[in-house]
Amino acid sequence: MTAPGADERLVGADRVLAVMVALADYPTGATLEEVAQHVGATKSTVHRALATLRRAGLAMQLGRGVYILGDEFYRLAFSSYAARPERALIQPAIEELARRFGETVHYAVLDGQEVVYRAKVDPPIGAIRLTSVIGGRNPAYATGVGKVLLAEAVGSEHELRALLGDDYPQRTPQTISTAKDLWADLIRTRDRGYGIDNQESEIGINCVALPVRLDPNAPAIGAVSVSALAFRLPLPQLVERVEEIRSVISAFRGTSTD
């Protein structure tokens, strides 16, 4: 059912963008009615937005009343992603780390209260694949990459509370759940130069994360993490190899991660 007033709010560019985002949740196609329900608008409103997207090649009609994102959408997305400066710098490094460790490696950036995974490489052979995906999100407070980036983004416990609030949902029994405890961990993260996730996001998975900089004195543009199955590569053993991770990132990027 259409939400009261929703149609009035979805106008112009907002309406078109909402429909495009909705189509992304239906990779095999969605009916006009499904999209309308998804965005909380009338079918006539959604139909006009779909017509705009189809003219631009950003959506296409599979059959009678079934729509998907168009080839032009993917061309733009993939070409833009491939051209990102950090992809050319980071991708070889995370591929090498996945090969060396036999575990999953991520590159992520901070977006408000969450981290967004910009790149991911699973190990070539012999490991369980994690459920994370490129473009996926996780709460920053519960991840190694998030803590590395939060340690730079906030300068005090007050700033941390302003950004994340006072208390956080526990994803596992290990998750840090208060601003006071998280701030203490961010100080440790900043002092040692790397962050850890001690089964805080998912039971059985730990990780070590390091910041990535384009210049030694520049702010971090993101963070790289090696995520390992705890029974196979316990956290203390992963921490012992922090300098190896740092050297791999630096070798491919040409600068220090310090």
C-alpha atoms as a PDB file:
ATOM      1  CA  MET A   1       0.000   0.000   0.000  1.00  0.00           C
ATOM      2  CA  THR A   2       1.240   3.467  -0.823  1.00  0.00           C
ATOM      3  CA  ALA A   3       2.444   5.359   2.229  1.00  0.00           C
ATOM      4  CA  PRO A   4       0.427   8.499   3.004  1.00  0.00           C
ATOM      5  CA  GLY A   5       2.023  11.485   1.341  1.00  0.00           C
ATOM      6  CA  ALA A   6       4.812   9.400  -0.221  1.00  0.00           C
ATOM      7  CA  ASP A   7       3.813  10.249  -3.776  1.00  0.00           C
ATOM      8  CA  GLU A   8       3.977  13.958  -3.036  1.00  0.00           C
ATOM      9  CA  ARG A   9       7.523  13.612  -1.675  1.00  0.00           C
ATOM     10  CA  LEU A  10       8.771  11.609  -4.654  1.00  0.00           C
ATOM     11  CA  VAL A  11       9.002  14.285  -7.312  1.00  0.00           C
ATOM     12  CA  GLY A  12      11.414  15.069 -10.103  1.00  0.00           C
ATOM     13  CA  ALA A  13      14.950  13.769  -9.691  1.00  0.00           C
ATOM     14  CA  ASP A  14      14.156  12.254  -6.283  1.00  0.00           C
ATOM     15  CA  ARG A  15      11.487  10.070  -7.859  1.00  0.00           C
ATOM     16  CA  VAL A  16      13.757   8.869 -10.666  1.00  0.00           C
ATOM     17  CA  LEU A  17      16.624   8.098  -8.288  1.00  0.00           C
ATOM     18  CA  ALA A  18      14.343   6.225  -5.882  1.00  0.00           C
ATOM     19  CA  VAL A  19      13.089   4.010  -8.703  1.00  0.00           C
ATOM     20  CA  MET A  20      16.617   3.346  -9.969  1.00  0.00           C
ATOM     21  CA  VAL A  21      17.758   2.337  -6.477  1.00  0.00           C
ATOM     22  CA  ALA A  22      14.710   0.092  -6.128  1.00  0.00           C
ATOM     23  CA  LEU A  23      15.518  -1.717  -9.385  1.00  0.00           C
ATOM     24  CA  ALA A  24      18.944  -2.593  -7.978  1.00  0.00           C
ATOM     25  CA  ASP A  25      17.176  -4.862  -5.488  1.00  0.00           C
ATOM     26  CA  TYR A  26      15.591  -6.855  -8.330  1.00  0.00           C
ATOM     27  CA  PRO A  27      18.436  -8.179 -10.517  1.00  0.00           C
ATOM     28  CA  THR A  28      16.085 -10.565 -12.333  1.00  0.00           C
ATOM     29  CA  GLY A  29      13.430  -7.910 -12.908  1.00  0.00           C
ATOM     30  CA  ALA A  30      10.520  -6.317 -11.086  1.00  0.00           C
ATOM     31  CA  THR A  31       6.989  -5.480 -12.054  1.00  0.00           C
ATOM     32  CA  LEU A  32       5.639  -1.971 -12.015  1.00  0.00           C
ATOM     33  CA  GLU A  33       3.593  -2.863  -8.938  1.00  0.00           C
ATOM     34  CA  GLU A  34       6.635  -4.251  -7.095  1.00  0.00           C
ATOM     35  CA  VAL A  35       8.659  -1.117  -7.743  1.00  0.00           C
ATOM     36  CA  ALA A  36       5.751   1.090  -6.702  1.00  0.00           C
ATOM     37  CA  GLN A  37       5.410  -0.787  -3.417  1.00  0.00           C
ATOM     38  CA  HIS A  38       9.151  -0.646  -2.857  1.00  0.00           C
ATOM     39  CA  VAL A  39       9.335   3.150  -3.141  1.00  0.00           C
ATOM     40  CA  GLY A  40       5.894   3.863  -1.676  1.00  0.00           C
ATOM     41  CA  ALA A  41       4.480   5.652  -4.720  1.00  0.00           C
ATOM     42  CA  THR A  42       1.641   5.218  -7.181  1.00  0.00           C
ATOM     43  CA  LYS A  43       2.144   3.144 -10.312  1.00  0.00           C
ATOM     44  CA  SER A  44       1.618   6.182 -12.531  1.00  0.00           C
ATOM     45  CA  THR A  45       4.382   8.042 -10.704  1.00  0.00           C
ATOM     46  CA  VAL A  46       6.762   5.097 -11.007  1.00  0.00           C
ATOM     47  CA  HIS A  47       5.844   4.580 -14.656  1.00  0.00           C
ATOM     48  CA  ARG A  48       6.926   8.144 -15.467  1.00  0.00           C
ATOM     49  CA  ALA A  49      10.222   7.626 -13.642  1.00  0.00           C
ATOM     50  CA  LEU A  50      10.829   4.365 -15.498  1.00  0.00           C
ATOM     51  CA  ALA A  51      10.186   6.110 -18.800  1.00  0.00           C
ATOM     52  CA  THR A  52      12.881   8.667 -17.937  1.00  0.00           C
ATOM     53  CA  LEU A  53      15.340   5.922 -16.992  1.00  0.00           C
ATOM     54  CA  ARG A  54      14.590   3.945 -20.154  1.00  0.00           C
ATOM     55  CA  ARG A  55      15.223   6.963 -22.375  1.00  0.00           C
ATOM     56  CA  ALA A  56      18.654   7.312 -20.755  1.00  0.00           C
ATOM     57  CA  GLY A  57      19.400   3.592 -21.089  1.00  0.00           C
ATOM     58  CA  LEU A  58      19.517   3.244 -17.307  1.00  0.00           C
ATOM     59  CA  ALA A  59      16.546   0.862 -17.234  1.00  0.00           C
ATOM     60  CA  MET A  60      15.016  -1.537 -19.720  1.00  0.00           C
ATOM     61  CA  GLN A  61      11.825  -3.528 -20.083  1.00  0.00           C
ATOM     62  CA  LEU A  62      12.226  -7.306 -20.234  1.00  0.00           C
ATOM     63  CA  GLY A  63       8.640  -8.100 -21.012  1.00  0.00           C
ATOM     64  CA  ARG A  64       5.220  -6.749 -20.387  1.00  0.00           C
ATOM     65  CA  GLY A  65       5.496  -4.731 -17.178  1.00  0.00           C
ATOM     66  CA  VAL A  66       8.848  -6.194 -16.018  1.00  0.00           C
ATOM     67  CA  TYR A  67      11.831  -3.872 -15.630  1.00  0.00           C
ATOM     68  CA  ILE A  68      15.548  -4.156 -14.793  1.00  0.00           C
ATOM     69  CA  LEU A  69      18.512  -1.813 -14.702  1.00  0.00           C
ATOM     70  CA  GLY A  70      19.813  -1.114 -18.207  1.00  0.00           C
ATOM     71  CA  ASP A  71      23.180  -1.838 -19.778  1.00  0.00           C
ATOM     72  CA  GLU A  72      24.090   1.858 -19.720  1.00  0.00           C
ATOM     73  CA  PHE A  73      23.782   1.852 -15.932  1.00  0.00           C
ATOM     74  CA  TYR A  74      26.307  -0.975 -15.656  1.00  0.00           C
ATOM     75  CA  ARG A  75      28.614   0.568 -18.231  1.00  0.00           C
ATOM     76  CA  LEU A  76      28.755   3.793 -16.251  1.00  0.00           C
ATOM     77  CA  ALA A  77      29.138   2.003 -12.920  1.00  0.00           C
ATOM     78  CA  PHE A  78      31.873  -0.372 -14.034  1.00  0.00           C
ATOM     79  CA  SER A  79      33.847   2.210 -16.009  1.00  0.00           C
ATOM     80  CA  SER A  80      33.717   4.633 -13.091  1.00  0.00           C
ATOM     81  CA  TYR A  81      34.742   1.940 -10.617  1.00  0.00           C
ATOM     82  CA  ALA A  82      37.598   0.756 -12.823  1.00  0.00           C
ATOM     83  CA  ALA A  83      38.863   4.332 -13.164  1.00  0.00           C
ATOM     84  CA  ARG A  84      38.945   5.064  -9.431  1.00  0.00           C
ATOM     85  CA  PRO A  85      42.535   5.948  -8.449  1.00  0.00           C
ATOM     86  CA  GLU A  86      42.445   3.755  -5.350  1.00  0.00           C
ATOM     87  CA  ARG A  87      41.415   0.707  -7.362  1.00  0.00           C
ATOM     88  CA  ALA A  88      44.578   0.812  -9.466  1.00  0.00           C
ATOM     89  CA  LEU A  89      46.634   1.372  -6.320  1.00  0.00           C
ATOM     90  CA  ILE A  90      44.919  -1.082  -4.001  1.00  0.00           C
ATOM     91  CA  GLN A  91      43.719  -4.005  -6.111  1.00  0.00           C
ATOM     92  CA  PRO A  92      47.184  -5.554  -6.726  1.00  0.00           C
ATOM     93  CA  ALA A  93      48.009  -5.273  -3.034  1.00  0.00           C
ATOM     94  CA  ILE A  94      44.860  -6.976  -1.782  1.00  0.00           C
ATOM     95  CA  GLU A  95      45.243  -9.719  -4.381  1.00  0.00           C
ATOM     96  CA  GLU A  96      48.770 -10.366  -3.107  1.00  0.00           C
ATOM     97  CA  LEU A  97      47.602 -10.377   0.518  1.00  0.00           C
ATOM     98  CA  ALA A  98      44.831 -12.874  -0.279  1.00  0.00           C
ATOM     99  CA  ARG A  99      47.414 -15.103  -1.949  1.00  0.00           C
ATOM    100  CA  ARG A 100      49.869 -14.910   0.942  1.00  0.00           C
ATOM    101  CA  PHE A 101      47.402 -15.353   3.775  1.00  0.00           C
ATOM    102  CA  GLY A 102      44.894 -17.639   2.091  1.00  0.00           C
ATOM    103  CA  GLU A 103      42.145 -15.480   3.598  1.00  0.00           C
ATOM    104  CA  THR A 104      39.729 -12.765   2.464  1.00  0.00           C
ATOM    105  CA  VAL A 105      41.041  -9.215   2.067  1.00  0.00           C
ATOM    106  CA  HIS A 106      38.905  -6.062   1.953  1.00  0.00           C
ATOM    107  CA  TYR A 107      39.395  -2.430   1.087  1.00  0.00           C
ATOM    108  CA  ALA A 108      36.824  -0.126   2.694  1.00  0.00           C
ATOM    109  CA  VAL A 109      36.047   3.551   3.213  1.00  0.00           C
ATOM    110  CA  LEU A 110      34.121   5.348   5.933  1.00  0.00           C
ATOM    111  CA  ASP A 111      30.674   6.702   5.090  1.00  0.00           C
ATOM    112  CA  GLY A 112      29.143   8.329   8.148  1.00  0.00           C
ATOM    113  CA  GLN A 113      28.487   5.631  10.738  1.00  0.00           C
ATOM    114  CA  GLU A 114      29.286   2.768   8.370  1.00  0.00           C
ATOM    115  CA  VAL A 115      32.080   1.344   6.288  1.00  0.00           C
ATOM    116  CA  VAL A 116      31.520   0.590   2.616  1.00  0.00           C
ATOM    117  CA  TYR A 117      33.519  -2.174   0.960  1.00  0.00           C
ATOM    118  CA  ARG A 118      35.065  -0.838  -2.245  1.00  0.00           C
ATOM    119  CA  ALA A 119      37.057  -3.980  -3.077  1.00  0.00           C
ATOM    120  CA  LYS A 120      37.233  -7.587  -1.936  1.00  0.00           C
ATOM    121  CA  VAL A 121      39.455 -10.512  -2.887  1.00  0.00           C
ATOM    122  CA  ASP A 122      38.768 -14.040  -1.751  1.00  0.00           C
ATOM    123  CA  PRO A 123      41.711 -16.444  -1.461  1.00  0.00           C
ATOM    124  CA  PRO A 124      42.453 -18.385  -4.643  1.00  0.00           C
ATOM    125  CA  ILE A 125      41.851 -21.803  -3.124  1.00  0.00           C
ATOM    126  CA  GLY A 126      41.021 -23.669   0.043  1.00  0.00           C
ATOM    127  CA  ALA A 127      39.139 -21.135   2.146  1.00  0.00           C
ATOM    128  CA  ILE A 128      35.586 -20.377   3.176  1.00  0.00           C
ATOM    129  CA  ARG A 129      34.202 -17.329   1.367  1.00  0.00           C
ATOM    130  CA  LEU A 130      32.848 -14.569   3.580  1.00  0.00           C
ATOM    131  CA  THR A 131      29.399 -13.114   2.906  1.00  0.00           C
ATOM    132  CA  SER A 132      30.644  -9.540   2.467  1.00  0.00           C
ATOM    133  CA  VAL A 133      30.169  -7.972  -0.972  1.00  0.00           C
ATOM    134  CA  ILE A 134      31.577  -4.990  -2.849  1.00  0.00           C
ATOM    135  CA  GLY A 135      29.273  -2.095  -2.065  1.00  0.00           C
ATOM    136  CA  GLY A 136      28.115  -3.763   1.146  1.00  0.00           C
ATOM    137  CA  ARG A 137      28.074  -1.972   4.462  1.00  0.00           C
ATOM    138  CA  ASN A 138      28.821  -2.716   8.097  1.00  0.00           C
ATOM    139  CA  PRO A 139      28.680  -0.552  11.237  1.00  0.00           C
ATOM    140  CA  ALA A 140      32.074   1.067  11.676  1.00  0.00           C
ATOM    141  CA  TYR A 141      32.262   0.404  15.421  1.00  0.00           C
ATOM    142  CA  ALA A 142      32.267  -3.376  14.928  1.00  0.00           C
ATOM    143  CA  THR A 143      34.934  -3.688  12.219  1.00  0.00           C
ATOM    144  CA  GLY A 144      38.691  -3.364  12.067  1.00  0.00           C
ATOM    145  CA  VAL A 145      38.578  -1.090   9.025  1.00  0.00           C
ATOM    146  CA  GLY A 146      35.914   1.006  10.711  1.00  0.00           C
ATOM    147  CA  LYS A 147      37.946   1.489  13.858  1.00  0.00           C
ATOM    148  CA  VAL A 148      41.041   2.461  11.882  1.00  0.00           C
ATOM    149  CA  LEU A 149      39.078   5.112  10.013  1.00  0.00           C
ATOM    150  CA  LEU A 150      37.117   6.294  13.048  1.00  0.00           C
ATOM    151  CA  ALA A 151      40.396   6.767  14.918  1.00  0.00           C
ATOM    152  CA  GLU A 152      41.289   9.429  12.342  1.00  0.00           C
ATOM    153  CA  ALA A 153      37.825  10.855  11.798  1.00  0.00           C
ATOM    154  CA  VAL A 154      37.040  11.735  15.424  1.00  0.00           C
ATOM    155  CA  GLY A 155      39.309  13.600  17.784  1.00  0.00           C
ATOM    156  CA  SER A 156      37.572  13.087  21.107  1.00  0.00           C
ATOM    157  CA  GLU A 157      35.029  10.948  22.901  1.00  0.00           C
ATOM    158  CA  HIS A 158      32.595  13.843  22.534  1.00  0.00           C
ATOM    159  CA  GLU A 159      32.975  13.777  18.737  1.00  0.00           C
ATOM    160  CA  LEU A 160      32.547  10.008  18.757  1.00  0.00           C
ATOM    161  CA  ARG A 161      29.281  10.289  20.700  1.00  0.00           C
ATOM    162  CA  ALA A 162      28.065  12.985  18.313  1.00  0.00           C
ATOM    163  CA  LEU A 163      28.709  10.673  15.372  1.00  0.00           C
ATOM    164  CA  LEU A 164      27.649   7.265  16.713  1.00  0.00           C
ATOM    165  CA  GLY A 165      25.678   7.922  19.898  1.00  0.00           C
ATOM    166  CA  ASP A 166      26.294   6.424  23.323  1.00  0.00           C
ATOM    167  CA  ASP A 167      25.367   2.753  22.960  1.00  0.00           C
ATOM    168  CA  TYR A 168      25.601   0.301  20.073  1.00  0.00           C
ATOM    169  CA  PRO A 169      23.856  -2.996  19.261  1.00  0.00           C
ATOM    170  CA  GLN A 170      25.978  -6.036  20.020  1.00  0.00           C
ATOM    171  CA  ARG A 171      26.498  -8.145  16.913  1.00  0.00           C
ATOM    172  CA  THR A 172      28.355 -10.766  18.961  1.00  0.00           C
ATOM    173  CA  PRO A 173      29.253 -11.116  22.663  1.00  0.00           C
ATOM    174  CA  GLN A 174      32.627  -9.555  21.748  1.00  0.00           C
ATOM    175  CA  THR A 175      31.224  -6.370  20.216  1.00  0.00           C
ATOM    176  CA  ILE A 176      32.179  -3.097  21.878  1.00  0.00           C
ATOM    177  CA  SER A 177      28.822  -1.574  22.798  1.00  0.00           C
ATOM    178  CA  THR A 178      29.502   1.786  24.494  1.00  0.00           C
ATOM    179  CA  ALA A 179      31.115   5.018  23.360  1.00  0.00           C
ATOM    180  CA  LYS A 180      33.424   4.990  26.384  1.00  0.00           C
ATOM    181  CA  ASP A 181      34.858   1.565  25.555  1.00  0.00           C
ATOM    182  CA  LEU A 182      35.028   2.284  21.830  1.00  0.00           C
ATOM    183  CA  TRP A 183      36.900   5.537  22.399  1.00  0.00           C
ATOM    184  CA  ALA A 184      39.459   3.676  24.517  1.00  0.00           C
ATOM    185  CA  ASP A 185      39.885   1.170  21.697  1.00  0.00           C
ATOM    186  CA  LEU A 186      40.250   3.945  19.114  1.00  0.00           C
ATOM    187  CA  ILE A 187      43.072   5.456  21.165  1.00  0.00           C
ATOM    188  CA  ARG A 188      44.831   2.074  21.172  1.00  0.00           C
ATOM    189  CA  THR A 189      44.201   1.771  17.445  1.00  0.00           C
ATOM    190  CA  ARG A 190      45.714   5.174  16.766  1.00  0.00           C
ATOM    191  CA  ASP A 191      48.750   4.507  18.963  1.00  0.00           C
ATOM    192  CA  ARG A 192      49.652   1.139  17.404  1.00  0.00           C
ATOM    193  CA  GLY A 193      48.746   2.086  13.822  1.00  0.00           C
ATOM    194  CA  TYR A 194      46.299  -0.725  13.110  1.00  0.00           C
ATOM    195  CA  GLY A 195      42.832  -1.861  14.131  1.00  0.00           C
ATOM    196  CA  ILE A 196      41.551  -5.267  15.149  1.00  0.00           C
ATOM    197  CA  ASP A 197      38.219  -7.014  15.008  1.00  0.00           C
ATOM    198  CA  ASN A 198      38.281  -9.768  17.604  1.00  0.00           C
ATOM    199  CA  GLN A 199      35.151 -11.632  16.448  1.00  0.00           C
ATOM    200  CA  GLU A 200      33.214  -8.407  17.058  1.00  0.00           C
ATOM    201  CA  SER A 201      31.292  -8.375  13.797  1.00  0.00           C
ATOM    202  CA  GLU A 202      30.877 -12.111  13.292  1.00  0.00           C
ATOM    203  CA  ILE A 203      31.680 -15.056  15.544  1.00  0.00           C
ATOM    204  CA  GLY A 204      34.601 -17.055  14.226  1.00  0.00           C
ATOM    205  CA  ILE A 205      36.040 -14.227  12.127  1.00  0.00           C
ATOM    206  CA  ASN A 206      38.799 -11.875  13.224  1.00  0.00           C
ATOM    207  CA  CYS A 207      40.763  -9.312  11.268  1.00  0.00           C
ATOM    208  CA  VAL A 208      43.589  -6.826  11.284  1.00  0.00           C
ATOM    209  CA  ALA A 209      43.187  -3.542   9.403  1.00  0.00           C
ATOM    210  CA  LEU A 210      45.625  -0.824   8.356  1.00  0.00           C
ATOM    211  CA  PRO A 211      45.036   2.670   6.964  1.00  0.00           C
ATOM    212  CA  VAL A 212      45.907   3.482   3.358  1.00  0.00           C
ATOM    213  CA  ARG A 213      47.361   6.884   2.490  1.00  0.00           C
ATOM    214  CA  LEU A 214      48.346   8.425  -0.818  1.00  0.00           C
ATOM    215  CA  ASP A 215      51.116  10.241   1.035  1.00  0.00           C
ATOM    216  CA  PRO A 216      52.682   9.484   4.446  1.00  0.00           C
ATOM    217  CA  ASN A 217      51.420  12.794   5.829  1.00  0.00           C
ATOM    218  CA  ALA A 218      48.004  12.681   4.168  1.00  0.00           C
ATOM    219  CA  PRO A 219      44.762  11.486   5.774  1.00  0.00           C
ATOM    220  CA  ALA A 220      43.767   7.883   5.183  1.00  0.00           C
ATOM    221  CA  ILE A 221      41.708   7.389   2.020  1.00  0.00           C
ATOM    222  CA  GLY A 222      40.513   4.016   3.291  1.00  0.00           C
ATOM    223  CA  ALA A 223      41.690   0.892   5.056  1.00  0.00           C
ATOM    224  CA  VAL A 224      42.736  -2.639   4.101  1.00  0.00           C
ATOM    225  CA  SER A 225      41.906  -5.621   6.283  1.00  0.00           C
ATOM    226  CA  VAL A 226      42.838  -9.282   6.295  1.00  0.00           C
ATOM    227  CA  SER A 227      39.872 -11.256   7.637  1.00  0.00           C
ATOM    228  CA  ALA A 228      40.657 -14.755   8.852  1.00  0.00           C
ATOM    229  CA  LEU A 229      38.858 -17.727  10.309  1.00  0.00           C
ATOM    230  CA  ALA A 230      39.788 -17.622  13.986  1.00  0.00           C
ATOM    231  CA  PHE A 231      40.402 -21.371  14.306  1.00  0.00           C
ATOM    232  CA  ARG A 232      42.813 -21.340  11.365  1.00  0.00           C
ATOM    233  CA  LEU A 233      44.620 -18.044  11.949  1.00  0.00           C
ATOM    234  CA  PRO A 234      44.090 -16.830  15.534  1.00  0.00           C
ATOM    235  CA  LEU A 235      44.210 -13.113  16.153  1.00  0.00           C
ATOM    236  CA  PRO A 236      47.655 -13.124  17.888  1.00  0.00           C
ATOM    237  CA  GLN A 237      49.182 -14.799  14.824  1.00  0.00           C
ATOM    238  CA  LEU A 238      47.466 -12.304  12.539  1.00  0.00           C
ATOM    239  CA  VAL A 239      48.799  -9.397  14.616  1.00  0.00           C
ATOM    240  CA  GLU A 240      52.319 -10.829  14.349  1.00  0.00           C
ATOM    241  CA  ARG A 241      52.110 -10.301  10.583  1.00  0.00           C
ATOM    242  CA  VAL A 242      50.998  -6.650  10.673  1.00  0.00           C
ATOM    243  CA  GLU A 243      54.322  -5.431   9.300  1.00  0.00           C
ATOM    244  CA  GLU A 244      54.080  -7.915   6.456  1.00  0.00           C
ATOM    245  CA  ILE A 245      50.654  -6.518   5.574  1.00  0.00           C
ATOM    246  CA  ARG A 246      52.018  -2.982   5.798  1.00  0.00           C
ATOM    247  CA  SER A 247      54.958  -3.795   3.529  1.00  0.00           C
ATOM    248  CA  VAL A 248      52.729  -5.373   0.871  1.00  0.00           C
ATOM    249  CA  ILE A 249      50.456  -2.312   0.771  1.00  0.00           C
ATOM    250  CA  SER A 250      53.449   0.012   0.619  1.00  0.00           C
ATOM    251  CA  ALA A 251      55.200  -1.987  -2.092  1.00  0.00           C
ATOM    252  CA  PHE A 252      52.293  -1.785  -4.482  1.00  0.00           C
ATOM    253  CA  ARG A 253      51.255   1.737  -3.567  1.00  0.00           C
ATOM    254  CA  GLY A 254      54.745   3.184  -3.502  1.00  0.00           C
ATOM    255  CA  THR A 255      54.331   5.042  -0.177  1.00  0.00           C
ATOM    256  CA  SER A 256      54.186   4.198   3.498  1.00  0.00           C
ATOM    257  CA  THR A 257      51.012   3.320   5.392  1.00  0.00           C
ATOM    258  CA  ASP A 258      52.400   4.865   8.582  1.00  0.00           C
END
